[in-house]
Amino acid sequence: MTIEGYFNENDEPALTLDLVAISIEVLIDTGFAGGLIVPEAIANRLTLQFEGVEEFYTVTGQMFTAPAYFVLVNWFGDRLKVPMAVSSEVKDALLGSQMLRGSRLTIDYRERRVQISKLG
């Protein structure tokens, strides 16, 4: 099974992610170790259940804390409960490496192709 992504207007690898209630564009950020992080403006459109404050790490190893929630996501045909951070400091929603576990990410700039394939 494969999820097809695309390059957005800023030439960043992205995909449309179905959060059951709404679909959002997420940038693929392999330097973000979490599942998802979204700006407050997107979170305000969702019904969320607060889970606590979590520590997250950027690609540079910088730690930050943010309110954490769980959200239902359609992922490879399954509905998964995924950890999601909400931050006023990000302007784009990010899909992190936790979401990519058990999959192969292909970003081909030459062919303009972004794919996530489920392994096993």
N, C-alpha and C. Protein backbone atom coordinates (compact mmCIF):
# COMPACT_ATOMS: atom_id res chain seq x y z
N MET A 1 0.85 -1.17 0.00
CA MET A 1 0.00 0.00 0.00
C MET A 1 0.89 1.23 0.00
N THR A 2 0.48 2.26 -0.73
CA THR A 2 1.29 3.47 -0.88
C THR A 2 0.44 4.71 -0.66
N ILE A 3 1.03 5.70 0.01
CA ILE A 3 0.44 7.02 0.15
C ILE A 3 1.22 7.95 -0.78
N GLU A 4 0.51 8.64 -1.66
CA GLU A 4 1.15 9.54 -2.60
C GLU A 4 1.18 10.95 -2.02
N GLY A 5 2.32 11.57 -2.08
CA GLY A 5 2.47 12.95 -1.66
C GLY A 5 2.74 13.83 -2.87
N TYR A 6 3.29 15.00 -2.63
CA TYR A 6 3.54 15.97 -3.70
C TYR A 6 4.54 17.00 -3.19
N PHE A 7 4.97 17.86 -4.06
CA PHE A 7 5.78 19.02 -3.68
C PHE A 7 4.85 20.22 -3.66
N ASN A 8 4.84 20.96 -2.54
CA ASN A 8 3.96 22.13 -2.45
C ASN A 8 4.56 23.31 -3.20
N GLU A 9 3.91 24.46 -3.10
CA GLU A 9 4.36 25.65 -3.84
C GLU A 9 5.74 26.15 -3.39
N ASN A 10 6.20 25.74 -2.21
CA ASN A 10 7.53 26.11 -1.72
C ASN A 10 8.56 25.02 -2.00
N ASP A 11 8.19 24.04 -2.82
CA ASP A 11 9.07 22.93 -3.21
C ASP A 11 9.42 22.03 -2.03
N GLU A 12 8.48 21.90 -1.08
CA GLU A 12 8.67 21.06 0.10
C GLU A 12 7.85 19.78 -0.07
N PRO A 13 8.41 18.63 0.32
CA PRO A 13 7.63 17.39 0.24
C PRO A 13 6.49 17.43 1.25
N ALA A 14 5.29 17.13 0.76
CA ALA A 14 4.09 17.23 1.59
C ALA A 14 3.10 16.15 1.18
N LEU A 15 2.07 16.01 2.00
CA LEU A 15 0.95 15.14 1.64
C LEU A 15 -0.30 15.65 2.33
N THR A 16 -1.43 15.22 1.82
CA THR A 16 -2.70 15.55 2.45
C THR A 16 -3.02 14.42 3.42
N LEU A 17 -3.22 14.79 4.67
CA LEU A 17 -3.48 13.82 5.73
C LEU A 17 -4.92 13.95 6.20
N ASP A 18 -5.62 12.83 6.22
CA ASP A 18 -7.02 12.80 6.65
C ASP A 18 -7.08 12.57 8.15
N LEU A 19 -7.50 13.60 8.89
CA LEU A 19 -7.65 13.52 10.34
C LEU A 19 -9.07 13.13 10.72
N VAL A 20 -9.75 12.43 9.86
CA VAL A 20 -11.13 11.98 10.01
C VAL A 20 -12.08 13.17 9.93
N ALA A 21 -11.94 14.17 10.79
CA ALA A 21 -12.83 15.32 10.77
C ALA A 21 -12.49 16.29 9.63
N ILE A 22 -11.21 16.47 9.35
CA ILE A 22 -10.76 17.36 8.28
C ILE A 22 -9.52 16.77 7.63
N SER A 23 -9.20 17.26 6.44
CA SER A 23 -7.95 16.90 5.78
C SER A 23 -7.04 18.12 5.81
N ILE A 24 -5.75 17.90 6.10
CA ILE A 24 -4.80 19.00 6.18
C ILE A 24 -3.55 18.66 5.38
N GLU A 25 -2.85 19.70 4.96
CA GLU A 25 -1.55 19.50 4.34
C GLU A 25 -0.51 19.41 5.45
N VAL A 26 0.36 18.40 5.37
CA VAL A 26 1.46 18.26 6.31
C VAL A 26 2.76 18.19 5.53
N LEU A 27 3.78 18.87 6.05
CA LEU A 27 5.11 18.77 5.48
C LEU A 27 5.78 17.55 6.09
N ILE A 28 6.53 16.82 5.31
CA ILE A 28 7.25 15.65 5.80
C ILE A 28 8.57 16.13 6.38
N ASP A 29 8.74 15.93 7.69
CA ASP A 29 9.91 16.44 8.41
C ASP A 29 10.57 15.29 9.16
N THR A 30 11.57 14.67 8.53
CA THR A 30 12.24 13.52 9.15
C THR A 30 13.11 13.94 10.33
N GLY A 31 13.34 15.23 10.51
CA GLY A 31 14.09 15.71 11.67
C GLY A 31 13.24 15.88 12.90
N PHE A 32 11.92 15.76 12.75
CA PHE A 32 10.99 15.84 13.88
C PHE A 32 10.69 14.42 14.32
N ALA A 33 11.04 14.07 15.56
CA ALA A 33 10.92 12.70 16.05
C ALA A 33 9.50 12.32 16.45
N GLY A 34 8.60 13.27 16.58
CA GLY A 34 7.24 12.97 17.00
C GLY A 34 6.37 12.49 15.86
N GLY A 35 5.06 12.39 16.14
CA GLY A 35 4.11 11.96 15.13
C GLY A 35 3.64 13.12 14.28
N LEU A 36 2.93 14.06 14.91
CA LEU A 36 2.41 15.24 14.22
C LEU A 36 2.57 16.45 15.11
N ILE A 37 2.78 17.58 14.49
CA ILE A 37 2.69 18.86 15.18
C ILE A 37 1.93 19.80 14.26
N VAL A 38 0.97 20.49 14.83
CA VAL A 38 0.13 21.38 14.03
C VAL A 38 0.07 22.76 14.66
N PRO A 39 -0.13 23.78 13.82
CA PRO A 39 -0.33 25.13 14.36
C PRO A 39 -1.67 25.21 15.12
N GLU A 40 -1.76 26.15 16.03
CA GLU A 40 -2.99 26.33 16.81
C GLU A 40 -4.21 26.55 15.92
N ALA A 41 -4.03 27.25 14.80
CA ALA A 41 -5.16 27.54 13.91
C ALA A 41 -5.81 26.26 13.39
N ILE A 42 -5.02 25.25 13.11
CA ILE A 42 -5.57 23.96 12.66
C ILE A 42 -6.20 23.23 13.85
N ALA A 43 -5.52 23.22 14.98
CA ALA A 43 -6.03 22.52 16.17
C ALA A 43 -7.38 23.09 16.60
N ASN A 44 -7.56 24.38 16.44
CA ASN A 44 -8.82 25.01 16.84
C ASN A 44 -10.01 24.52 16.02
N ARG A 45 -9.75 23.90 14.87
CA ARG A 45 -10.83 23.38 14.02
C ARG A 45 -11.18 21.93 14.36
N LEU A 46 -10.47 21.35 15.32
CA LEU A 46 -10.66 19.95 15.68
C LEU A 46 -11.23 19.82 17.10
N THR A 47 -11.90 18.71 17.35
CA THR A 47 -12.31 18.38 18.71
C THR A 47 -11.21 17.51 19.29
N LEU A 48 -10.49 18.04 20.27
CA LEU A 48 -9.32 17.35 20.81
C LEU A 48 -9.49 17.08 22.30
N GLN A 49 -8.87 16.01 22.72
CA GLN A 49 -8.86 15.66 24.14
C GLN A 49 -7.43 15.84 24.64
N PHE A 50 -7.25 16.75 25.59
CA PHE A 50 -5.92 17.07 26.13
C PHE A 50 -5.34 15.85 26.83
N GLU A 51 -4.09 15.54 26.52
CA GLU A 51 -3.40 14.39 27.12
C GLU A 51 -2.29 14.80 28.07
N GLY A 52 -1.83 16.05 27.99
CA GLY A 52 -0.74 16.52 28.84
C GLY A 52 0.26 17.32 28.04
N VAL A 53 1.38 17.61 28.65
CA VAL A 53 2.45 18.35 27.99
C VAL A 53 3.57 17.37 27.69
N GLU A 54 4.05 17.37 26.46
CA GLU A 54 5.09 16.44 26.02
C GLU A 54 6.34 17.20 25.62
N GLU A 55 7.47 16.51 25.70
CA GLU A 55 8.73 17.04 25.20
C GLU A 55 8.94 16.55 23.78
N PHE A 56 9.34 17.45 22.89
CA PHE A 56 9.61 17.12 21.50
C PHE A 56 10.99 17.64 21.15
N TYR A 57 11.62 17.00 20.16
CA TYR A 57 12.96 17.38 19.74
C TYR A 57 13.00 17.72 18.27
N THR A 58 13.72 18.79 17.93
CA THR A 58 13.90 19.19 16.54
C THR A 58 15.11 18.47 15.98
N VAL A 59 15.35 18.65 14.69
CA VAL A 59 16.48 18.02 14.01
C VAL A 59 17.81 18.47 14.62
N THR A 60 17.86 19.65 15.20
CA THR A 60 19.08 20.16 15.82
C THR A 60 19.25 19.67 17.25
N GLY A 61 18.30 18.87 17.73
CA GLY A 61 18.37 18.36 19.09
C GLY A 61 17.77 19.29 20.12
N GLN A 62 17.23 20.41 19.66
CA GLN A 62 16.61 21.37 20.57
C GLN A 62 15.29 20.80 21.09
N MET A 63 15.12 20.83 22.41
CA MET A 63 13.92 20.31 23.03
C MET A 63 12.92 21.44 23.24
N PHE A 64 11.65 21.15 23.01
CA PHE A 64 10.60 22.10 23.35
C PHE A 64 9.42 21.32 23.90
N THR A 65 8.60 21.99 24.67
CA THR A 65 7.39 21.35 25.20
C THR A 65 6.18 21.97 24.52
N ALA A 66 5.15 21.16 24.40
CA ALA A 66 3.91 21.62 23.76
C ALA A 66 2.76 20.79 24.30
N PRO A 67 1.55 21.37 24.30
CA PRO A 67 0.39 20.58 24.69
C PRO A 67 0.25 19.39 23.74
N ALA A 68 -0.06 18.23 24.29
CA ALA A 68 -0.16 17.02 23.48
C ALA A 68 -1.59 16.48 23.51
N TYR A 69 -2.00 15.96 22.38
CA TYR A 69 -3.33 15.40 22.18
C TYR A 69 -3.17 14.11 21.38
N PHE A 70 -4.22 13.33 21.30
CA PHE A 70 -4.26 12.22 20.36
C PHE A 70 -5.34 12.53 19.35
N VAL A 71 -5.07 12.19 18.11
CA VAL A 71 -6.01 12.45 17.04
C VAL A 71 -6.13 11.18 16.20
N LEU A 72 -7.31 10.94 15.66
CA LEU A 72 -7.51 9.81 14.76
C LEU A 72 -7.07 10.21 13.36
N VAL A 73 -6.26 9.35 12.75
CA VAL A 73 -5.71 9.60 11.42
C VAL A 73 -5.96 8.39 10.55
N ASN A 74 -6.37 8.61 9.31
CA ASN A 74 -6.45 7.53 8.34
C ASN A 74 -5.05 7.35 7.76
N TRP A 75 -4.45 6.18 8.00
CA TRP A 75 -3.06 5.92 7.63
C TRP A 75 -2.97 4.53 7.03
N PHE A 76 -2.66 4.43 5.77
CA PHE A 76 -2.60 3.16 5.05
C PHE A 76 -3.89 2.36 5.18
N GLY A 77 -5.01 3.05 5.11
CA GLY A 77 -6.30 2.38 5.16
C GLY A 77 -6.79 2.04 6.55
N ASP A 78 -5.99 2.29 7.56
CA ASP A 78 -6.39 2.04 8.94
C ASP A 78 -6.63 3.36 9.66
N ARG A 79 -7.46 3.31 10.68
CA ARG A 79 -7.68 4.48 11.53
C ARG A 79 -6.81 4.32 12.76
N LEU A 80 -5.80 5.19 12.89
CA LEU A 80 -4.84 5.11 14.00
C LEU A 80 -5.00 6.28 14.95
N LYS A 81 -4.74 6.02 16.23
CA LYS A 81 -4.69 7.06 17.24
C LYS A 81 -3.23 7.51 17.31
N VAL A 82 -2.97 8.78 16.95
CA VAL A 82 -1.62 9.29 16.79
C VAL A 82 -1.39 10.47 17.74
N PRO A 83 -0.21 10.52 18.39
CA PRO A 83 0.10 11.69 19.22
C PRO A 83 0.28 12.93 18.36
N MET A 84 -0.26 14.05 18.83
CA MET A 84 -0.17 15.31 18.08
C MET A 84 0.13 16.44 19.05
N ALA A 85 1.14 17.21 18.72
CA ALA A 85 1.46 18.41 19.50
C ALA A 85 0.83 19.61 18.83
N VAL A 86 0.49 20.61 19.63
CA VAL A 86 -0.06 21.86 19.11
C VAL A 86 0.86 22.98 19.55
N SER A 87 1.24 23.83 18.59
CA SER A 87 2.18 24.89 18.90
C SER A 87 1.83 26.18 18.16
N SER A 88 1.99 27.28 18.85
CA SER A 88 1.83 28.58 18.20
C SER A 88 3.11 28.98 17.46
N GLU A 89 4.16 28.20 17.64
CA GLU A 89 5.46 28.53 17.05
C GLU A 89 5.68 27.94 15.66
N VAL A 90 4.82 27.02 15.23
CA VAL A 90 4.96 26.46 13.89
C VAL A 90 3.91 27.07 12.98
N LYS A 91 4.28 27.27 11.72
CA LYS A 91 3.31 27.84 10.78
C LYS A 91 2.71 26.78 9.87
N ASP A 92 3.38 25.62 9.78
CA ASP A 92 2.90 24.52 8.95
C ASP A 92 2.77 23.26 9.80
N ALA A 93 1.82 22.42 9.45
CA ALA A 93 1.70 21.13 10.11
C ALA A 93 2.84 20.24 9.64
N LEU A 94 3.42 19.47 10.57
CA LEU A 94 4.56 18.61 10.26
C LEU A 94 4.24 17.16 10.59
N LEU A 95 4.62 16.27 9.71
CA LEU A 95 4.53 14.84 9.93
C LEU A 95 5.94 14.37 10.24
N GLY A 96 6.13 13.79 11.42
CA GLY A 96 7.47 13.41 11.87
C GLY A 96 7.79 11.95 11.66
N SER A 97 9.00 11.60 12.06
CA SER A 97 9.54 10.26 11.82
C SER A 97 8.77 9.16 12.55
N GLN A 98 8.09 9.49 13.65
CA GLN A 98 7.30 8.47 14.34
C GLN A 98 6.21 7.91 13.42
N MET A 99 5.65 8.74 12.57
CA MET A 99 4.62 8.29 11.63
C MET A 99 5.21 7.43 10.52
N LEU A 100 6.51 7.55 10.28
CA LEU A 100 7.14 6.85 9.17
C LEU A 100 7.69 5.48 9.54
N ARG A 101 7.63 5.12 10.80
CA ARG A 101 8.14 3.81 11.23
C ARG A 101 7.40 2.70 10.48
N GLY A 102 8.15 1.70 10.05
CA GLY A 102 7.55 0.58 9.33
C GLY A 102 7.19 0.91 7.90
N SER A 103 7.78 1.97 7.37
CA SER A 103 7.48 2.37 5.99
C SER A 103 8.74 2.83 5.27
N ARG A 104 8.62 3.01 3.98
CA ARG A 104 9.72 3.54 3.16
C ARG A 104 9.26 4.88 2.60
N LEU A 105 10.04 5.91 2.87
CA LEU A 105 9.78 7.24 2.34
C LEU A 105 10.65 7.45 1.12
N THR A 106 10.03 7.81 0.00
CA THR A 106 10.76 8.13 -1.22
C THR A 106 10.46 9.57 -1.60
N ILE A 107 11.50 10.37 -1.65
CA ILE A 107 11.37 11.76 -2.11
C ILE A 107 12.29 11.88 -3.31
N ASP A 108 11.71 12.01 -4.49
CA ASP A 108 12.47 12.06 -5.74
C ASP A 108 12.27 13.44 -6.37
N TYR A 109 13.25 14.31 -6.18
CA TYR A 109 13.14 15.67 -6.70
C TYR A 109 13.18 15.68 -8.22
N ARG A 110 13.94 14.80 -8.80
CA ARG A 110 14.05 14.77 -10.26
C ARG A 110 12.71 14.40 -10.91
N GLU A 111 12.09 13.35 -10.37
CA GLU A 111 10.81 12.88 -10.92
C GLU A 111 9.61 13.59 -10.30
N ARG A 112 9.88 14.46 -9.29
CA ARG A 112 8.81 15.22 -8.60
C ARG A 112 7.81 14.25 -7.97
N ARG A 113 8.32 13.28 -7.22
CA ARG A 113 7.47 12.25 -6.65
C ARG A 113 7.76 12.12 -5.15
N VAL A 114 6.69 12.00 -4.37
CA VAL A 114 6.77 11.76 -2.93
C VAL A 114 5.86 10.57 -2.64
N GLN A 115 6.44 9.52 -2.05
CA GLN A 115 5.66 8.33 -1.73
C GLN A 115 6.06 7.78 -0.37
N ILE A 116 5.07 7.27 0.34
CA ILE A 116 5.32 6.53 1.56
C ILE A 116 4.70 5.15 1.35
N SER A 117 5.54 4.12 1.42
CA SER A 117 5.08 2.74 1.20
C SER A 117 5.14 1.97 2.51
N LYS A 118 4.09 1.23 2.78
CA LYS A 118 4.06 0.39 3.98
C LYS A 118 4.89 -0.86 3.74
N LEU A 119 5.78 -1.17 4.67
CA LEU A 119 6.63 -2.35 4.57
C LEU A 119 6.06 -3.48 5.41
N GLY A 120 6.32 -4.70 4.95
CA GLY A 120 5.92 -5.88 5.72
C GLY A 120 4.49 -6.08 5.71
